[in-house]
């Protein structure tokens, strides 16, 4: 499995951490989100390539409206 395919697993882990820290709203957002990782750049340094990724979260409109003021 490539790194990009691990987006949902990474977000699920972040949601568990948020719940353990009593960050209910954050955990709810993460649990409801559809996640994807997009490679947004790369850089060569000392002969090694470092890739940069952006985590994109698509959140249902109802959740977005609920957290609009936070």
C-alpha atoms as a PDB file:
ATOM      1  CA  UNK A   1       0.000   0.000   0.000  1.00  0.00           C
ATOM      2  CA  UNK A   2       1.374   3.382  -1.009  1.00  0.00           C
ATOM      3  CA  UNK A   3       1.487   6.397   1.266  1.00  0.00           C
ATOM      4  CA  UNK A   4      -1.463   8.078  -0.478  1.00  0.00           C
ATOM      5  CA  UNK A   5      -3.718   5.096   0.316  1.00  0.00           C
ATOM      6  CA  UNK A   6      -3.065   5.496   4.058  1.00  0.00           C
ATOM      7  CA  UNK A   7      -4.968   8.784   4.380  1.00  0.00           C
ATOM      8  CA  UNK A   8      -8.079   7.331   6.020  1.00  0.00           C
ATOM      9  CA  UNK A   9      -6.005   5.268   8.468  1.00  0.00           C
ATOM     10  CA  UNK A  10      -3.986   8.344   9.452  1.00  0.00           C
ATOM     11  CA  UNK A  11      -7.156  10.354  10.030  1.00  0.00           C
ATOM     12  CA  UNK A  12      -8.685   7.516  12.073  1.00  0.00           C
ATOM     13  CA  UNK A  13      -5.605   7.525  14.300  1.00  0.00           C
ATOM     14  CA  UNK A  14      -5.820  11.305  14.692  1.00  0.00           C
ATOM     15  CA  UNK A  15      -9.511  10.953  15.634  1.00  0.00           C
ATOM     16  CA  UNK A  16      -8.651   8.405  18.338  1.00  0.00           C
ATOM     17  CA  UNK A  17      -5.992  10.721  19.745  1.00  0.00           C
ATOM     18  CA  UNK A  18      -8.444  13.638  19.728  1.00  0.00           C
ATOM     19  CA  UNK A  19     -11.033  11.552  21.619  1.00  0.00           C
ATOM     20  CA  UNK A  20      -8.463  10.524  24.217  1.00  0.00           C
ATOM     21  CA  UNK A  21      -7.684  14.219  24.699  1.00  0.00           C
ATOM     22  CA  UNK A  22     -11.420  15.012  25.094  1.00  0.00           C
ATOM     23  CA  UNK A  23     -11.449  16.993  21.851  1.00  0.00           C
ATOM     24  CA  UNK A  24     -14.896  15.761  20.876  1.00  0.00           C
ATOM     25  CA  UNK A  25     -15.592  18.265  18.103  1.00  0.00           C
ATOM     26  CA  UNK A  26     -12.227  17.599  16.473  1.00  0.00           C
ATOM     27  CA  UNK A  27     -12.755  13.838  16.715  1.00  0.00           C
ATOM     28  CA  UNK A  28     -16.256  14.111  15.229  1.00  0.00           C
ATOM     29  CA  UNK A  29     -14.934  16.104  12.281  1.00  0.00           C
ATOM     30  CA  UNK A  30     -12.142  13.603  11.664  1.00  0.00           C
ATOM     31  CA  UNK A  31     -14.517  10.621  11.990  1.00  0.00           C
ATOM     32  CA  UNK A  32     -16.924  12.083   9.450  1.00  0.00           C
ATOM     33  CA  UNK A  33     -14.314  13.235   6.939  1.00  0.00           C
ATOM     34  CA  UNK A  34     -13.304  11.579   3.720  1.00  0.00           C
ATOM     35  CA  UNK A  35      -9.524  11.885   3.570  1.00  0.00           C
ATOM     36  CA  UNK A  36      -6.997  11.936   0.764  1.00  0.00           C
ATOM     37  CA  UNK A  37      -3.281  12.654   0.572  1.00  0.00           C
ATOM     38  CA  UNK A  38      -2.079  14.669  -2.410  1.00  0.00           C
ATOM     39  CA  UNK A  39       1.589  14.987  -3.286  1.00  0.00           C
ATOM     40  CA  UNK A  40       2.098  18.739  -3.507  1.00  0.00           C
ATOM     41  CA  UNK A  41       5.835  18.935  -4.036  1.00  0.00           C
ATOM     42  CA  UNK A  42       9.250  17.398  -3.729  1.00  0.00           C
ATOM     43  CA  UNK A  43      12.751  18.567  -3.056  1.00  0.00           C
ATOM     44  CA  UNK A  44      16.149  17.069  -3.641  1.00  0.00           C
ATOM     45  CA  UNK A  45      18.673  17.465  -0.876  1.00  0.00           C
ATOM     46  CA  UNK A  46      22.039  15.721  -0.689  1.00  0.00           C
ATOM     47  CA  UNK A  47      21.013  13.265  -3.405  1.00  0.00           C
ATOM     48  CA  UNK A  48      17.786  12.240  -1.647  1.00  0.00           C
ATOM     49  CA  UNK A  49      14.289  13.215  -2.701  1.00  0.00           C
ATOM     50  CA  UNK A  50      11.832  14.374  -0.057  1.00  0.00           C
ATOM     51  CA  UNK A  51       8.159  14.372  -1.054  1.00  0.00           C
ATOM     52  CA  UNK A  52       5.626  16.803   0.448  1.00  0.00           C
ATOM     53  CA  UNK A  53       1.976  15.876   0.920  1.00  0.00           C
ATOM     54  CA  UNK A  54      -1.178  17.792   1.781  1.00  0.00           C
ATOM     55  CA  UNK A  55      -3.923  16.046   3.735  1.00  0.00           C
ATOM     56  CA  UNK A  56      -7.308  16.966   2.283  1.00  0.00           C
ATOM     57  CA  UNK A  57     -10.476  16.402   4.323  1.00  0.00           C
ATOM     58  CA  UNK A  58     -13.922  16.480   2.754  1.00  0.00           C
ATOM     59  CA  UNK A  59     -16.418  17.117   5.531  1.00  0.00           C
ATOM     60  CA  UNK A  60     -20.206  16.755   5.230  1.00  0.00           C
ATOM     61  CA  UNK A  61     -21.999  20.101   5.016  1.00  0.00           C
ATOM     62  CA  UNK A  62     -23.928  19.423   8.236  1.00  0.00           C
ATOM     63  CA  UNK A  63     -20.682  18.990  10.200  1.00  0.00           C
ATOM     64  CA  UNK A  64     -19.177  22.065   8.558  1.00  0.00           C
ATOM     65  CA  UNK A  65     -22.206  24.141   9.554  1.00  0.00           C
ATOM     66  CA  UNK A  66     -22.092  22.796  13.121  1.00  0.00           C
ATOM     67  CA  UNK A  67     -18.472  23.898  13.590  1.00  0.00           C
ATOM     68  CA  UNK A  68     -18.699  27.113  11.572  1.00  0.00           C
ATOM     69  CA  UNK A  69     -18.148  29.338  14.600  1.00  0.00           C
ATOM     70  CA  UNK A  70     -15.302  27.324  16.108  1.00  0.00           C
END
